[in-house]
Protein backbone atom coordinates (compact mmCIF):
# COMPACT_ATOMS: atom_id res chain seq x y z
CA MET A 1 0.00 0.00 0.00
CA SER A 2 1.36 3.45 -0.87
CA ASN A 3 2.18 6.10 1.69
CA PHE A 4 -0.78 8.15 0.47
CA ASN A 5 -3.25 5.28 0.98
CA THR A 6 -1.79 4.35 4.34
CA GLU A 7 -1.99 7.84 5.82
CA PHE A 8 -5.44 8.46 4.30
CA ILE A 9 -6.87 5.31 5.88
CA MET A 10 -5.19 5.99 9.23
CA GLU A 11 -6.59 9.53 9.22
CA LEU A 12 -10.11 8.11 8.85
CA PHE A 13 -9.67 6.25 12.11
CA LEU A 14 -7.57 8.69 14.11
CA ASP A 15 -9.40 12.01 13.64
CA ASP A 16 -13.08 11.76 14.55
CA ASN A 17 -13.67 15.51 14.31
CA VAL A 18 -12.80 15.92 10.65
CA SER A 19 -15.21 15.19 7.84
CA THR A 20 -14.40 12.66 5.13
CA LEU A 21 -13.95 15.45 2.59
CA ASN A 22 -11.54 17.31 4.88
CA ARG A 23 -9.60 14.11 5.48
CA LEU A 24 -9.23 13.68 1.73
CA ILE A 25 -8.02 17.27 1.36
CA VAL A 26 -5.53 16.85 4.22
CA ALA A 27 -4.17 13.56 2.89
CA THR A 28 -3.87 14.97 -0.64
CA ALA A 29 -2.10 18.08 0.58
CA ASN A 30 0.23 15.96 2.67
CA THR A 31 1.21 13.95 -0.38
CA VAL A 32 1.80 17.10 -2.41
CA ASN A 33 3.87 18.42 0.49
CA GLU A 34 6.08 15.32 0.50
CA ASN A 35 6.68 15.63 -3.26
CA LEU A 36 7.58 19.29 -2.86
CA GLU A 37 9.97 18.36 -0.05
CA ASN A 38 11.80 15.94 -2.33
CA ILE A 39 12.07 18.51 -5.12
CA SER A 40 13.28 21.18 -2.69
CA TYR A 41 15.85 18.82 -1.20
CA ILE A 42 17.29 17.99 -4.64
CA LYS A 43 17.37 21.67 -5.54
CA ARG A 44 19.15 22.63 -2.32
CA THR A 45 21.67 19.83 -2.79
CA LEU A 46 22.51 20.94 -6.35
CA LEU A 47 22.87 24.57 -5.30
CA LYS A 48 25.06 23.59 -2.35
CA GLN A 49 27.34 21.62 -4.66
CA GLN A 50 27.73 24.73 -6.79
CA GLY A 51 28.65 26.80 -3.72
CA ILE A 52 25.45 28.82 -3.73
CA ILE A 53 23.93 29.70 -0.34
CA VAL A 54 20.20 29.11 -0.28
CA GLN A 55 18.22 31.74 1.59
CA PRO A 56 15.16 30.55 3.50
CA SER A 57 11.90 31.12 1.64
CA ASP A 58 8.60 32.26 3.05
CA GLN A 59 7.67 30.77 6.38
CA PHE A 60 4.55 29.12 5.01
CA ARG A 61 3.38 27.96 1.62
CA SER A 62 -0.23 27.18 0.90
CA VAL A 63 -1.34 24.04 -0.93
CA LYS A 64 -5.03 24.20 -1.74
CA ASP A 65 -5.89 26.18 1.41
CA VAL A 66 -3.96 23.78 3.67
CA THR A 67 -1.07 25.71 5.25
CA ILE A 68 2.13 23.68 5.60
CA PRO A 69 5.18 25.04 7.47
CA TYR A 70 8.53 25.02 5.73
CA GLU A 71 11.01 26.78 7.98
CA ASN A 72 11.76 23.80 10.26
CA LYS A 73 12.09 20.97 7.74
CA ASN A 74 15.54 20.14 9.08
CA PHE A 75 14.85 20.83 12.75
CA PHE A 76 15.38 17.19 13.73
CA GLU A 77 18.34 16.54 11.46
CA LEU A 78 20.25 19.75 12.20
CA ILE A 79 19.17 20.70 15.73
CA VAL A 80 17.68 17.81 17.75
CA LYS A 81 20.40 15.37 16.75
CA ASN A 82 22.95 17.81 18.15
CA PHE A 83 21.18 18.33 21.50
CA THR A 84 23.39 17.82 24.53
CA ASN A 85 22.35 15.46 27.31
CA GLU A 86 21.19 18.44 29.37
CA GLU A 87 19.02 19.64 26.49
CA TYR A 88 17.49 16.17 26.18
CA ILE A 89 16.60 16.20 29.87
CA ILE A 90 14.92 19.60 29.45
CA LYS A 91 13.13 18.88 26.16
CA PHE A 92 12.35 15.16 26.52
CA LYS A 93 12.48 14.67 30.32
CA MET A 94 14.98 11.84 29.91
CA GLN A 95 18.64 11.39 29.10
CA LYS A 96 19.95 11.24 25.55
CA ALA A 97 21.24 7.69 26.09
CA THR A 98 17.76 6.61 27.24
CA VAL A 99 16.15 7.92 24.05
CA GLN A 100 18.77 6.13 21.94
CA ALA A 101 18.15 2.92 23.91
CA LEU A 102 14.43 3.29 23.23
CA ILE A 103 15.07 3.66 19.49
CA THR A 104 17.32 0.60 19.51
CA PHE A 105 14.70 -1.42 21.39
CA LEU A 106 11.84 -0.42 19.09
CA LYS A 107 13.83 -1.34 15.97
CA ASP A 108 13.24 -5.00 16.74
CA HIS A 109 9.47 -4.44 16.92
CA PHE A 110 9.05 -1.82 14.22
CA LYS A 111 7.30 -2.91 11.03
CA PRO A 112 8.59 -0.95 8.04
CA GLY A 113 5.81 0.51 5.91
CA GLY A 114 5.35 3.13 3.25
CA SER A 115 6.36 6.05 5.47
CA ILE A 116 9.52 7.92 4.52
CA VAL A 117 10.05 9.17 8.08
CA PRO A 118 12.88 7.21 9.76
CA LEU A 119 12.28 5.50 13.11
CA ASP A 120 14.59 7.76 15.11
CA LYS A 121 12.66 10.82 13.95
CA LYS A 122 9.35 9.11 14.70
CA VAL A 123 10.42 8.42 18.27
CA HIS A 124 11.46 12.06 18.79
CA VAL A 125 8.19 13.32 17.30
CA PHE A 126 6.23 11.00 19.62
CA LEU A 127 8.21 12.04 22.70
CA TRP A 128 7.88 15.74 21.89
CA ALA A 129 4.08 15.41 21.72
CA LEU A 130 3.90 13.26 24.86
CA VAL A 131 6.26 15.28 27.02
CA ASN A 132 5.33 18.84 25.99
CA ASP A 133 1.59 18.32 25.46
CA CYS A 134 1.65 20.01 22.06
CA SER A 135 -1.09 19.58 19.50
CA PHE A 136 -0.25 17.47 16.47
CA LYS A 137 -0.33 20.64 14.38
CA GLU A 138 2.21 22.36 16.65
CA VAL A 139 4.52 19.34 16.62
CA GLY A 140 4.23 19.21 12.85
CA GLN A 141 5.28 22.85 12.55
CA ILE A 142 8.34 22.13 14.67
CA PHE A 143 9.42 18.99 12.85
CA GLY A 144 8.33 19.96 9.35
CA LEU A 145 5.50 17.42 9.11
CA HIS A 146 1.80 17.67 8.45
CA LYS A 147 -0.43 17.11 11.46
CA SER A 148 -1.89 13.96 9.90
CA SER A 149 1.63 12.52 9.69
CA VAL A 150 2.27 13.44 13.33
CA SER A 151 -1.02 11.79 14.34
CA TYR A 152 -0.09 8.63 12.46
CA ILE A 153 3.41 8.55 13.98
CA PHE A 154 2.14 9.23 17.50
CA HIS A 155 -0.38 6.39 17.49
CA GLU A 156 2.06 4.06 15.74
CA VAL A 157 4.65 4.45 18.52
CA VAL A 158 1.93 4.25 21.18
CA MET A 159 0.90 0.83 19.87
CA LEU A 160 4.53 -0.35 19.69
CA LEU A 161 5.03 0.51 23.36
CA ALA A 162 1.66 -0.77 24.56
CA GLU A 163 2.38 -4.14 22.95
CA GLN A 164 5.43 -4.47 25.22
CA ARG A 165 3.36 -4.08 28.39
CA TYR A 166 4.11 -7.51 29.85
CA GLN A 167 7.81 -7.24 29.14
CA PHE A 168 8.15 -4.14 31.34
CA ILE A 169 5.20 -4.36 33.76
CA ASN A 170 5.01 -7.64 35.61
CA TRP A 171 4.49 -8.96 39.12
CA PRO A 172 7.75 -9.33 41.06
CA SER A 173 9.31 -12.67 41.91
CA LEU A 174 9.53 -13.88 45.52
CA GLU A 175 13.11 -12.64 45.65
CA GLU A 176 12.10 -9.19 44.39
CA GLN A 177 9.21 -9.06 46.86
CA HIS A 178 11.65 -9.85 49.65
CA ILE A 179 13.88 -6.92 48.64
CA THR A 180 10.88 -4.57 48.73
CA ARG A 181 9.70 -5.70 52.16
CA VAL A 182 13.20 -5.39 53.60
CA LYS A 183 13.71 -1.84 52.28
CA VAL A 184 10.26 -0.61 53.27
CA ASN A 185 10.50 -2.08 56.76
CA SER A 186 13.97 -0.59 57.22
CA LYS A 187 12.87 2.88 56.07
CA TYR A 188 9.41 3.21 57.59
CA GLY A 189 9.01 0.34 60.04
CA PHE A 190 6.08 -1.23 58.21
CA PRO A 191 6.73 -5.00 57.96
CA ASN A 192 6.04 -7.47 55.16
CA CYS A 193 4.96 -4.85 52.57
CA VAL A 194 5.60 -5.81 48.92
CA GLY A 195 3.72 -3.11 46.98
CA PHE A 196 1.53 0.00 47.02
CA LEU A 197 -1.90 0.24 45.40
CA ASP A 198 -3.82 3.34 44.31
CA ALA A 199 -5.48 4.95 41.31
CA CYS A 200 -5.33 8.39 39.70
CA ARG A 201 -7.90 10.18 37.57
CA LEU A 202 -6.84 11.45 34.15
CA LYS A 203 -8.85 14.06 32.25
CA VAL A 204 -10.14 13.02 28.82
CA GLY A 205 -11.85 15.25 26.26
CA SER A 206 -11.39 17.81 23.52
CA LYS A 207 -9.48 20.99 24.32
CA ARG A 208 -10.99 22.77 21.33
CA LYS A 209 -14.62 22.41 22.40
CA LYS A 210 -14.75 24.83 25.32
CA ARG A 211 -18.30 23.94 26.31
CA GLN A 212 -17.71 20.20 26.33
CA VAL A 213 -17.61 18.74 29.84
CA SER A 214 -14.39 16.79 30.30
CA ASN A 215 -14.60 13.21 31.45
CA PHE A 216 -12.13 11.14 33.43
CA ILE A 217 -10.51 7.74 33.21
CA LEU A 218 -8.95 5.84 36.10
CA LEU A 219 -5.43 4.44 36.01
CA GLN A 220 -5.03 1.85 38.78
CA ALA A 221 -1.49 0.76 39.55
CA VAL A 222 0.71 -1.06 42.03
CA CYS A 223 4.31 0.10 42.38
CA ASP A 224 7.35 -1.04 44.36
CA GLU A 225 9.82 0.97 46.43
CA THR A 226 11.66 2.13 43.27
CA LEU A 227 8.41 3.63 41.81
CA MET A 228 8.34 0.94 39.10
CA PHE A 229 4.82 -0.15 38.14
CA ILE A 230 4.38 -3.89 38.79
CA ASP A 231 0.70 -3.98 37.81
CA ILE A 232 -1.63 -1.59 36.00
CA HIS A 233 -5.29 -1.54 35.02
CA ILE A 234 -6.94 1.15 32.90
CA GLY A 235 -10.67 1.46 33.48
CA GLU A 236 -13.46 2.63 31.23
CA ILE A 237 -13.96 6.35 30.65
CA GLY A 238 -16.42 7.69 33.21
CA ASN A 239 -15.90 4.93 35.78
CA THR A 240 -13.87 6.62 38.52
CA VAL A 241 -14.85 4.70 41.68
CA LYS A 242 -11.59 3.10 42.83
CA GLY A 243 -13.11 0.21 44.75
CA LYS A 244 -15.43 -0.72 41.88
CA VAL A 245 -12.63 -0.60 39.30
CA PHE A 246 -10.41 -2.74 41.54
CA ARG A 247 -13.07 -5.44 41.87
CA GLU A 248 -13.13 -5.77 38.06
CA THR A 249 -9.38 -6.45 37.78
CA GLN A 250 -7.44 -9.68 37.60
CA LEU A 251 -5.36 -8.48 40.55
CA SER A 252 -8.48 -8.45 42.72
CA GLN A 253 -9.24 -12.06 41.79
CA GLU A 254 -5.67 -13.37 42.04
CA LEU A 255 -4.16 -11.29 44.85
CA LYS A 256 -4.08 -14.19 47.32
CA ASN A 257 -2.17 -16.24 44.72
CA PHE A 258 0.33 -13.45 44.04
CA ILE A 259 1.26 -12.80 47.68
CA ASP A 260 1.98 -15.12 50.62
CA PHE A 261 -0.29 -14.75 53.65
CA ASP A 262 2.48 -13.03 55.65
CA ASN A 263 2.86 -10.32 53.01
CA HIS A 264 0.56 -7.57 51.78
CA ILE A 265 0.18 -4.48 49.63
CA LEU A 266 -1.03 -1.16 51.02
CA GLY A 267 -4.09 0.75 49.83
CA ASP A 268 -6.15 3.68 51.10
CA CYS A 269 -9.60 3.68 52.70
CA GLU A 270 -11.40 3.60 49.34
CA TYR A 271 -10.46 -0.07 49.07
CA LYS A 272 -11.89 -2.91 51.11
CA LEU A 273 -9.68 -4.52 53.75
CA ARG A 274 -8.32 -7.91 52.72
CA LYS A 275 -5.77 -10.34 54.13
CA ASN A 276 -3.24 -9.22 51.48
CA LEU A 277 -4.48 -5.62 51.16
CA LEU A 278 -4.13 -3.53 54.29
CA ILE A 279 -5.89 -0.17 54.56
CA PRO A 280 -5.81 2.41 57.38
CA PHE A 281 -8.25 2.36 60.27
CA SER A 282 -11.20 4.61 59.45
CA ARG A 283 -12.27 7.49 61.63
CA GLU A 284 -15.08 5.39 63.03
CA GLU A 285 -12.56 2.70 64.02
CA LEU A 286 -9.97 4.99 65.60
CA VAL A 287 -10.15 4.21 69.29
CA SER A 288 -6.52 4.05 70.39
CA ASN A 289 -3.15 5.74 69.99
CA GLU A 290 -1.78 2.46 68.64
CA GLU A 291 -4.16 2.57 65.67
CA ILE A 292 -3.29 6.22 65.05
CA LYS A 293 0.40 5.25 64.95
CA PHE A 294 -0.44 2.44 62.49
CA ASN A 295 -2.18 4.94 60.20
CA GLU A 296 0.78 7.32 60.38
CA ILE A 297 3.30 4.64 59.36
CA HIS A 298 0.87 3.28 56.74
CA TRP A 299 0.49 6.73 55.17
CA LYS A 300 4.25 7.25 54.94
CA ALA A 301 4.89 3.87 53.32
CA HIS A 302 1.89 4.16 50.98
CA SER A 303 3.25 7.46 49.62
CA TYR A 304 5.43 5.56 47.12
CA ILE A 305 2.49 5.14 44.74
CA GLY A 306 1.63 8.85 44.94
CA SER A 307 5.22 9.64 44.01
CA ALA A 308 5.04 7.21 41.08
CA PHE A 309 1.87 8.85 39.71
CA GLY A 310 3.38 12.30 40.24
CA LEU A 311 6.51 11.35 38.30
CA LEU A 312 4.42 9.83 35.49
CA LYS A 313 2.25 12.91 35.01
CA GLU A 314 5.10 15.38 35.45
CA ARG A 315 7.21 13.67 32.79
CA PHE A 316 4.39 12.98 30.31
CA GLN A 317 2.36 16.18 30.24
CA LYS A 318 -0.13 14.89 27.70
CA LEU A 319 -1.63 12.66 30.39
CA ASN A 320 -2.87 15.73 32.26
CA HIS A 321 -5.47 16.27 29.54
CA ILE A 322 -5.79 13.51 26.96
CA ASP A 323 -7.20 15.17 23.84
CA ILE A 324 -8.05 11.92 22.03
CA ASN A 325 -11.54 10.81 21.04
CA ARG A 326 -11.41 7.02 20.74
CA PRO A 327 -11.57 5.19 24.12
CA ASP A 328 -9.28 2.37 22.97
CA ALA A 329 -6.68 4.91 21.81
CA VAL A 330 -6.88 6.66 25.20
CA GLN A 331 -6.28 3.37 27.01
CA ALA A 332 -3.39 2.47 24.69
CA LEU A 333 -1.74 5.86 25.33
CA ILE A 334 -1.94 5.45 29.12
CA CYS A 335 -0.55 1.93 28.87
CA ALA A 336 2.30 3.11 26.63
CA ALA A 337 3.15 5.91 29.07
CA CYS A 338 3.36 3.40 31.94
CA VAL A 339 5.64 1.15 29.87
CA LEU A 340 7.85 4.13 29.04
CA HIS A 341 7.85 5.17 32.72
CA ASN A 342 9.35 1.79 33.65
CA PHE A 343 11.73 1.88 30.69
CA VAL A 344 13.18 5.20 31.85
CA LEU A 345 13.57 4.00 35.45
CA LEU A 346 15.36 0.86 34.25
CA HIS A 347 17.88 2.96 32.33
CA GLU A 348 18.23 5.95 34.65
CA GLY A 349 17.46 4.52 38.07
CA THR A 350 14.90 5.54 40.66
CA PRO A 351 14.68 9.12 41.96
CA VAL A 352 14.05 7.69 45.44
CA LYS A 353 17.07 8.20 47.65
CA GLU A 354 18.81 4.92 48.46
CA GLU A 355 19.20 4.39 52.19
CA ALA A 356 21.22 1.88 54.15
CA VAL A 357 19.23 -1.10 55.40
CA ILE A 358 19.28 -1.03 59.18
CA ASN A 359 16.49 -3.50 59.83
CA ASP A 360 16.02 -6.46 57.51
CA GLU A 361 13.68 -8.45 59.75
CA GLY A 362 10.05 -9.05 58.88
CA VAL A 363 7.47 -10.75 61.04
CA SER A 364 6.06 -14.27 60.77
CA ILE A 365 2.32 -14.65 61.25
CA ASP A 366 0.84 -17.80 62.74
CA THR A 367 -2.19 -18.69 60.62
CA ASN A 368 -3.57 -20.77 63.47
CA VAL A 369 -3.92 -17.59 65.51
CA VAL A 370 -4.42 -14.91 62.83
CA LYS A 371 -7.06 -15.98 60.33
CA SER A 372 -9.06 -12.97 59.14
CA ALA A 373 -8.11 -9.66 57.49
CA VAL A 374 -9.20 -7.73 60.60
CA GLU A 375 -7.06 -9.93 62.83
CA LYS A 376 -4.04 -9.57 60.54
CA ARG A 377 -4.25 -5.78 60.48
CA GLN A 378 -4.53 -5.68 64.25
CA PHE A 379 -1.55 -8.01 64.56
CA ILE A 380 0.56 -5.76 62.31
CA CYS A 381 -0.67 -2.72 64.26
CA ASN A 382 0.45 -4.27 67.54
CA TYR A 383 3.83 -5.24 66.05
CA ILE A 384 4.47 -1.72 64.67
CA ASN A 385 3.75 -0.16 68.06
CA TYR A 386 5.86 -2.73 69.87
CA ILE A 387 8.89 -1.97 67.65
CA HIS A 388 8.24 1.78 67.92
CA ASN A 389 8.19 1.63 71.73
CA LEU A 390 11.50 -0.24 71.74
CA SER A 391 13.26 2.48 69.73
């Protein structure tokens, strides 16, 4: 299939707000633009060989009422490729070596098509749109591409990353769980904790339609002490009740199989107390100083997941308002961002300060004595206060 046909078909699916006639005009103009680019490139090359300096032409040229920018056609080739590591951190929120590692990784999963845009440029276009929250038109003006090409590239890379979900987001082994519980217990004094559960709401809806009421989608995640996501679930748009979304997930059904009885993950009061999911005592239950101390230590340890969500949304600004119409494309984008979040941490390390382990002991729980979720939480509460009183 030709590049024209490919981009025209993709545009039909990716832009719900444009009529079929407008899509045809955009795709046609884009093709004309690419032909003009090739002619201009040949002309500039010949003039350069003859020692003639080519002065930049008008900033914009119009092709059948579709305005296409020309001044930044070589922005990627001449400027971005020469960015320093510090400039990469500012512009792309990650190190230059990390971006190159991402390009190398995606090469093995990239399926060459009719597009003339090389993979390294595609990755930079995608990252620019994701990190800076620019419209596809604005990104196109920067990189010398039409907005339909940027849209195609963006969703193409999103799908490549989302398809790698289970390579980068997976439940930790028993050995990895042990490392987490040791570090968390040493830092905060909360024993046997192997993960942190919560959910964040992400705004979804058009930015152009001022009167349109924005909706929200829930990203539920579990992270470890390094802020790496070890499980994610993306709900349906409009369903923002954390407890309800959790009950629909595989994690909810399989939690007791993922974690030994002694261990647990931490969640807030919007979740239901379980043997392997400990939540704080509610205000109605607070009757002692010991339970208040439990809540205090629980809150400190549980803050890892809030930090993970904060890092995700700070780095990938587009998640703060997802201006995409199709629900499946919204879910794919969130999934891809979580994959990329883990990818960056794997290559650059966690921003959490590493501390020396001063207490690597957990606590064993006798299942003949402690049988219910309420009993387990009370047992952990008593243990935390006992250790606190010794110090």
